[in-house]
Structures are given as C-alpha cells and as structure tokens.
Amino acid sequence: MQTTTPRRPDDWTGDAGMSDAGMSTVEYAIGTIAAAAFAFVLYTVLTGDSVVSTLTGLVEHALSVKS
C-alpha cells in the first residue's frame, strides 16, 4: 500500500518553491501611479484659493499680533 504525502497549499497555486518576497514590476508601476495621483490631488487642494487665502490670513494675523 502506497502512502501519499499531503500537498501543501503552495502546490495548489502552481508556484511551489517560488518566493513572493518583494514587489514585481507591475506592483511598482501601480504604486508609482497611485503616488502620482495622490500628489496631484494634494497639489490641487493646497493651491486652491480657499487654502491659500486661509494660510495667508493666518500668517498675516500672526505677524500683526503685538507682543
């Protein structure tokens, strides 16, 4: 009677023995695109009229305070 060893879950995916450490090129590309999109949104928000006027008013108020 022949006994079989149970299969590992890695064997089910077809990439047994291969390491998943690190990011692949596609993951780097998606991460870069996401970072660029976030930077664009942040730039758009921070250069908007309401933010600029609020920061300008805050700085002017801080400079006009007498000690």
PDB file of N, CA and C in Angstrom:
ATOM      1  N   MET A   1       0.840  -1.178   0.000  1.00  0.00           N
ATOM      2  CA  MET A   1       0.000   0.000   0.000  1.00  0.00           C
ATOM      3  C   MET A   1       0.883   1.239   0.000  1.00  0.00           C
ATOM      4  N   GLN A   2       0.622   2.121  -0.924  1.00  0.00           N
ATOM      5  CA  GLN A   2       1.445   3.311  -1.072  1.00  0.00           C
ATOM      6  C   GLN A   2       0.789   4.484  -0.344  1.00  0.00           C
ATOM      7  N   THR A   3       1.603   5.184   0.426  1.00  0.00           N
ATOM      8  CA  THR A   3       1.077   6.354   1.127  1.00  0.00           C
ATOM      9  C   THR A   3       1.513   7.608   0.384  1.00  0.00           C
ATOM     10  N   THR A   4       0.653   8.565   0.356  1.00  0.00           N
ATOM     11  CA  THR A   4       0.993   9.825  -0.285  1.00  0.00           C
ATOM     12  C   THR A   4       1.116  10.900   0.787  1.00  0.00           C
ATOM     13  N   THR A   5       2.010  11.807   0.532  1.00  0.00           N
ATOM     14  CA  THR A   5       2.166  12.912   1.476  1.00  0.00           C
ATOM     15  C   THR A   5       1.142  13.990   1.133  1.00  0.00           C
ATOM     16  N   PRO A   6       0.596  14.617   2.131  1.00  0.00           N
ATOM     17  CA  PRO A   6      -0.381  15.672   1.832  1.00  0.00           C
ATOM     18  C   PRO A   6       0.281  16.825   1.087  1.00  0.00           C
ATOM     19  N   ARG A   7      -0.447  17.407   0.193  1.00  0.00           N
ATOM     20  CA  ARG A   7       0.084  18.519  -0.595  1.00  0.00           C
ATOM     21  C   ARG A   7      -0.018  19.807   0.205  1.00  0.00           C
ATOM     22  N   ARG A   8       0.960  20.654  -0.002  1.00  0.00           N
ATOM     23  CA  ARG A   8       0.953  21.965   0.660  1.00  0.00           C
ATOM     24  C   ARG A   8       0.091  22.922  -0.147  1.00  0.00           C
ATOM     25  N   PRO A   9      -0.460  23.965   0.505  1.00  0.00           N
ATOM     26  CA  PRO A   9      -1.245  24.953  -0.247  1.00  0.00           C
ATOM     27  C   PRO A   9      -0.447  25.631  -1.351  1.00  0.00           C
ATOM     28  N   ASP A  10       0.888  25.739  -1.193  1.00  0.00           N
ATOM     29  CA  ASP A  10       1.708  26.337  -2.243  1.00  0.00           C
ATOM     30  C   ASP A  10       1.611  25.545  -3.541  1.00  0.00           C
ATOM     31  N   ASP A  11       1.447  24.241  -3.425  1.00  0.00           N
ATOM     32  CA  ASP A  11       1.379  23.398  -4.608  1.00  0.00           C
ATOM     33  C   ASP A  11       0.104  23.654  -5.404  1.00  0.00           C
ATOM     34  N   TRP A  12      -0.926  24.126  -4.766  1.00  0.00           N
ATOM     35  CA  TRP A  12      -2.192  24.350  -5.445  1.00  0.00           C
ATOM     36  C   TRP A  12      -2.130  25.542  -6.383  1.00  0.00           C
ATOM     37  N   THR A  13      -1.297  26.514  -6.083  1.00  0.00           N
ATOM     38  CA  THR A  13      -1.240  27.703  -6.923  1.00  0.00           C
ATOM     39  C   THR A  13      -0.324  27.539  -8.125  1.00  0.00           C
ATOM     40  N   GLY A  14       0.466  26.507  -8.136  1.00  0.00           N
ATOM     41  CA  GLY A  14       1.338  26.270  -9.271  1.00  0.00           C
ATOM     42  C   GLY A  14       2.694  26.936  -9.162  1.00  0.00           C
ATOM     43  N   ASP A  15       2.954  27.660  -8.086  1.00  0.00           N
ATOM     44  CA  ASP A  15       4.256  28.298  -7.952  1.00  0.00           C
ATOM     45  C   ASP A  15       4.961  27.835  -6.679  1.00  0.00           C
ATOM     46  N   ALA A  16       4.964  26.541  -6.488  1.00  0.00           N
ATOM     47  CA  ALA A  16       5.630  25.978  -5.322  1.00  0.00           C
ATOM     48  C   ALA A  16       7.129  26.215  -5.417  1.00  0.00           C
ATOM     49  N   GLY A  17       7.705  26.626  -4.332  1.00  0.00           N
ATOM     50  CA  GLY A  17       9.139  26.857  -4.294  1.00  0.00           C
ATOM     51  C   GLY A  17       9.546  28.250  -4.711  1.00  0.00           C
ATOM     52  N   MET A  18       8.633  29.020  -5.263  1.00  0.00           N
ATOM     53  CA  MET A  18       8.959  30.379  -5.683  1.00  0.00           C
ATOM     54  C   MET A  18       8.639  31.328  -4.538  1.00  0.00           C
ATOM     55  N   SER A  19       9.497  32.273  -4.326  1.00  0.00           N
ATOM     56  CA  SER A  19       9.309  33.236  -3.252  1.00  0.00           C
ATOM     57  C   SER A  19       8.472  34.414  -3.735  1.00  0.00           C
ATOM     58  N   ASP A  20       7.634  34.928  -2.859  1.00  0.00           N
ATOM     59  CA  ASP A  20       6.821  36.099  -3.177  1.00  0.00           C
ATOM     60  C   ASP A  20       7.363  37.345  -2.504  1.00  0.00           C
ATOM     61  N   ALA A  21       8.610  37.299  -2.103  1.00  0.00           N
ATOM     62  CA  ALA A  21       9.204  38.437  -1.398  1.00  0.00           C
ATOM     63  C   ALA A  21       9.428  39.588  -2.364  1.00  0.00           C
ATOM     64  N   GLY A  22       9.094  40.798  -1.911  1.00  0.00           N
ATOM     65  CA  GLY A  22       9.332  41.974  -2.744  1.00  0.00           C
ATOM     66  C   GLY A  22       8.195  42.240  -3.708  1.00  0.00           C
ATOM     67  N   MET A  23       8.305  43.339  -4.414  1.00  0.00           N
ATOM     68  CA  MET A  23       7.269  43.728  -5.365  1.00  0.00           C
ATOM     69  C   MET A  23       7.748  43.468  -6.787  1.00  0.00           C
ATOM     70  N   SER A  24       6.811  43.133  -7.630  1.00  0.00           N
ATOM     71  CA  SER A  24       7.135  42.937  -9.041  1.00  0.00           C
ATOM     72  C   SER A  24       7.072  44.278  -9.764  1.00  0.00           C
ATOM     73  N   THR A  25       7.442  44.275 -11.002  1.00  0.00           N
ATOM     74  CA  THR A  25       7.469  45.496 -11.796  1.00  0.00           C
ATOM     75  C   THR A  25       6.082  46.109 -11.912  1.00  0.00           C
ATOM     76  N   VAL A  26       5.060  45.296 -12.080  1.00  0.00           N
ATOM     77  CA  VAL A  26       3.692  45.799 -12.189  1.00  0.00           C
ATOM     78  C   VAL A  26       3.268  46.464 -10.885  1.00  0.00           C
ATOM     79  N   GLU A  27       3.635  45.872  -9.767  1.00  0.00           N
ATOM     80  CA  GLU A  27       3.296  46.467  -8.477  1.00  0.00           C
ATOM     81  C   GLU A  27       4.005  47.807  -8.289  1.00  0.00           C
ATOM     82  N   TYR A  28       5.251  47.906  -8.722  1.00  0.00           N
ATOM     83  CA  TYR A  28       5.960  49.187  -8.674  1.00  0.00           C
ATOM     84  C   TYR A  28       5.252  50.227  -9.544  1.00  0.00           C
ATOM     85  N   ALA A  29       4.824  49.821 -10.728  1.00  0.00           N
ATOM     86  CA  ALA A  29       4.150  50.748 -11.645  1.00  0.00           C
ATOM     87  C   ALA A  29       2.835  51.237 -11.046  1.00  0.00           C
ATOM     88  N   ILE A  30       2.049  50.338 -10.478  1.00  0.00           N
ATOM     89  CA  ILE A  30       0.776  50.723  -9.871  1.00  0.00           C
ATOM     90  C   ILE A  30       1.021  51.625  -8.667  1.00  0.00           C
ATOM     91  N   GLY A  31       2.019  51.308  -7.861  1.00  0.00           N
ATOM     92  CA  GLY A  31       2.355  52.148  -6.717  1.00  0.00           C
ATOM     93  C   GLY A  31       2.803  53.531  -7.140  1.00  0.00           C
ATOM     94  N   THR A  32       3.578  53.610  -8.205  1.00  0.00           N
ATOM     95  CA  THR A  32       4.041  54.901  -8.713  1.00  0.00           C
ATOM     96  C   THR A  32       2.885  55.735  -9.246  1.00  0.00           C
ATOM     97  N   ILE A  33       1.979  55.101  -9.968  1.00  0.00           N
ATOM     98  CA  ILE A  33       0.809  55.809 -10.495  1.00  0.00           C
ATOM     99  C   ILE A  33      -0.075  56.304  -9.350  1.00  0.00           C
ATOM    100  N   ALA A  34      -0.266  55.467  -8.338  1.00  0.00           N
ATOM    101  CA  ALA A  34      -1.078  55.871  -7.182  1.00  0.00           C
ATOM    102  C   ALA A  34      -0.433  57.044  -6.447  1.00  0.00           C
ATOM    103  N   ALA A  35       0.887  57.013  -6.281  1.00  0.00           N
ATOM    104  CA  ALA A  35       1.593  58.109  -5.605  1.00  0.00           C
ATOM    105  C   ALA A  35       1.493  59.402  -6.414  1.00  0.00           C
ATOM    106  N   ALA A  36       1.602  59.301  -7.725  1.00  0.00           N
ATOM    107  CA  ALA A  36       1.487  60.485  -8.578  1.00  0.00           C
ATOM    108  C   ALA A  36       0.071  61.055  -8.522  1.00  0.00           C
ATOM    109  N   ALA A  37      -0.935  60.198  -8.514  1.00  0.00           N
ATOM    110  CA  ALA A  37      -2.318  60.667  -8.426  1.00  0.00           C
ATOM    111  C   ALA A  37      -2.570  61.347  -7.086  1.00  0.00           C
ATOM    112  N   PHE A  38      -2.043  60.787  -6.010  1.00  0.00           N
ATOM    113  CA  PHE A  38      -2.187  61.396  -4.686  1.00  0.00           C
ATOM    114  C   PHE A  38      -1.483  62.750  -4.642  1.00  0.00           C
ATOM    115  N   ALA A  39      -0.305  62.832  -5.229  1.00  0.00           N
ATOM    116  CA  ALA A  39       0.430  64.102  -5.258  1.00  0.00           C
ATOM    117  C   ALA A  39      -0.349  65.151  -6.049  1.00  0.00           C
ATOM    118  N   PHE A  40      -0.959  64.765  -7.147  1.00  0.00           N
ATOM    119  CA  PHE A  40      -1.748  65.697  -7.957  1.00  0.00           C
ATOM    120  C   PHE A  40      -2.945  66.222  -7.171  1.00  0.00           C
ATOM    121  N   VAL A  41      -3.658  65.324  -6.491  1.00  0.00           N
ATOM    122  CA  VAL A  41      -4.814  65.743  -5.692  1.00  0.00           C
ATOM    123  C   VAL A  41      -4.375  66.666  -4.559  1.00  0.00           C
ATOM    124  N   LEU A  42      -3.289  66.321  -3.886  1.00  0.00           N
ATOM    125  CA  LEU A  42      -2.778  67.149  -2.799  1.00  0.00           C
ATOM    126  C   LEU A  42      -2.365  68.527  -3.308  1.00  0.00           C
ATOM    127  N   TYR A  43      -1.691  68.580  -4.439  1.00  0.00           N
ATOM    128  CA  TYR A  43      -1.283  69.849  -5.043  1.00  0.00           C
ATOM    129  C   TYR A  43      -2.502  70.692  -5.402  1.00  0.00           C
ATOM    130  N   THR A  44      -3.506  70.065  -5.984  1.00  0.00           N
ATOM    131  CA  THR A  44      -4.721  70.773  -6.376  1.00  0.00           C
ATOM    132  C   THR A  44      -5.430  71.367  -5.157  1.00  0.00           C
ATOM    133  N   VAL A  45      -5.500  70.593  -4.080  1.00  0.00           N
ATOM    134  CA  VAL A  45      -6.166  71.075  -2.874  1.00  0.00           C
ATOM    135  C   VAL A  45      -5.378  72.213  -2.241  1.00  0.00           C
ATOM    136  N   LEU A  46      -4.072  72.047  -2.133  1.00  0.00           N
ATOM    137  CA  LEU A  46      -3.262  73.038  -1.441  1.00  0.00           C
ATOM    138  C   LEU A  46      -3.072  74.326  -2.228  1.00  0.00           C
ATOM    139  N   THR A  47      -3.207  74.288  -3.522  1.00  0.00           N
ATOM    140  CA  THR A  47      -3.068  75.508  -4.316  1.00  0.00           C
ATOM    141  C   THR A  47      -4.413  76.140  -4.637  1.00  0.00           C
ATOM    142  N   GLY A  48      -5.484  75.578  -4.084  1.00  0.00           N
ATOM    143  CA  GLY A  48      -6.810  76.161  -4.286  1.00  0.00           C
ATOM    144  C   GLY A  48      -6.920  77.503  -3.576  1.00  0.00           C
ATOM    145  N   ASP A  49      -7.838  78.334  -4.025  1.00  0.00           N
ATOM    146  CA  ASP A  49      -7.999  79.692  -3.493  1.00  0.00           C
ATOM    147  C   ASP A  49      -8.316  79.694  -2.006  1.00  0.00           C
ATOM    148  N   SER A  50      -9.165  78.776  -1.556  1.00  0.00           N
ATOM    149  CA  SER A  50      -9.577  78.797  -0.158  1.00  0.00           C
ATOM    150  C   SER A  50      -8.406  78.476   0.778  1.00  0.00           C
ATOM    151  N   VAL A  51      -7.571  77.531   0.408  1.00  0.00           N
ATOM    152  CA  VAL A  51      -6.438  77.168   1.256  1.00  0.00           C
ATOM    153  C   VAL A  51      -5.402  78.281   1.265  1.00  0.00           C
ATOM    154  N   VAL A  52      -5.118  78.844   0.099  1.00  0.00           N
ATOM    155  CA  VAL A  52      -4.129  79.915   0.014  1.00  0.00           C
ATOM    156  C   VAL A  52      -4.594  81.133   0.806  1.00  0.00           C
ATOM    157  N   SER A  53      -5.859  81.514   0.671  1.00  0.00           N
ATOM    158  CA  SER A  53      -6.359  82.683   1.410  1.00  0.00           C
ATOM    159  C   SER A  53      -6.390  82.422   2.909  1.00  0.00           C
ATOM    160  N   THR A  54      -6.724  81.203   3.313  1.00  0.00           N
ATOM    161  CA  THR A  54      -6.723  80.865   4.740  1.00  0.00           C
ATOM    162  C   THR A  54      -5.320  80.934   5.311  1.00  0.00           C
ATOM    163  N   LEU A  55      -4.349  80.367   4.611  1.00  0.00           N
ATOM    164  CA  LEU A  55      -2.967  80.398   5.092  1.00  0.00           C
ATOM    165  C   LEU A  55      -2.414  81.823   5.097  1.00  0.00           C
ATOM    166  N   THR A  56      -2.755  82.602   4.077  1.00  0.00           N
ATOM    167  CA  THR A  56      -2.301  83.995   4.028  1.00  0.00           C
ATOM    168  C   THR A  56      -2.879  84.785   5.199  1.00  0.00           C
ATOM    169  N   GLY A  57      -4.153  84.612   5.459  1.00  0.00           N
ATOM    170  CA  GLY A  57      -4.786  85.284   6.586  1.00  0.00           C
ATOM    171  C   GLY A  57      -4.180  84.879   7.918  1.00  0.00           C
ATOM    172  N   LEU A  58      -3.870  83.601   8.058  1.00  0.00           N
ATOM    173  CA  LEU A  58      -3.256  83.104   9.293  1.00  0.00           C
ATOM    174  C   LEU A  58      -1.873  83.718   9.505  1.00  0.00           C
ATOM    175  N   VAL A  59      -1.076  83.777   8.447  1.00  0.00           N
ATOM    176  CA  VAL A  59       0.262  84.354   8.549  1.00  0.00           C
ATOM    177  C   VAL A  59       0.184  85.859   8.836  1.00  0.00           C
ATOM    178  N   GLU A  60      -0.715  86.556   8.146  1.00  0.00           N
ATOM    179  CA  GLU A  60      -0.864  87.992   8.382  1.00  0.00           C
ATOM    180  C   GLU A  60      -1.318  88.279   9.808  1.00  0.00           C
ATOM    181  N   HIS A  61      -2.224  87.452  10.316  1.00  0.00           N
ATOM    182  CA  HIS A  61      -2.685  87.622  11.698  1.00  0.00           C
ATOM    183  C   HIS A  61      -1.555  87.362  12.683  1.00  0.00           C
ATOM    184  N   ALA A  62      -0.769  86.335  12.411  1.00  0.00           N
ATOM    185  CA  ALA A  62       0.355  86.013  13.302  1.00  0.00           C
ATOM    186  C   ALA A  62       1.398  87.133  13.306  1.00  0.00           C
ATOM    187  N   LEU A  63       1.622  87.760  12.166  1.00  0.00           N
ATOM    188  CA  LEU A  63       2.608  88.831  12.086  1.00  0.00           C
ATOM    189  C   LEU A  63       2.103  90.144  12.683  1.00  0.00           C
ATOM    190  N   SER A  64       0.782  90.305  12.741  1.00  0.00           N
ATOM    191  CA  SER A  64       0.233  91.553  13.257  1.00  0.00           C
ATOM    192  C   SER A  64      -0.002  91.537  14.771  1.00  0.00           C
ATOM    193  N   VAL A  65       0.180  90.417  15.404  1.00  0.00           N
ATOM    194  CA  VAL A  65      -0.019  90.313  16.853  1.00  0.00           C
ATOM    195  C   VAL A  65       1.096  91.065  17.558  1.00  0.00           C
ATOM    196  N   LYS A  66       0.701  91.956  18.458  1.00  0.00           N
ATOM    197  CA  LYS A  66       1.699  92.745  19.213  1.00  0.00           C
ATOM    198  C   LYS A  66       2.098  91.989  20.457  1.00  0.00           C
ATOM    199  N   SER A  67       3.349  92.045  20.785  1.00  0.00           N
ATOM    200  CA  SER A  67       3.812  91.348  21.987  1.00  0.00           C
ATOM    201  C   SER A  67       3.890  92.256  23.178  1.00  0.00           C
TER     202      SER A  67
END
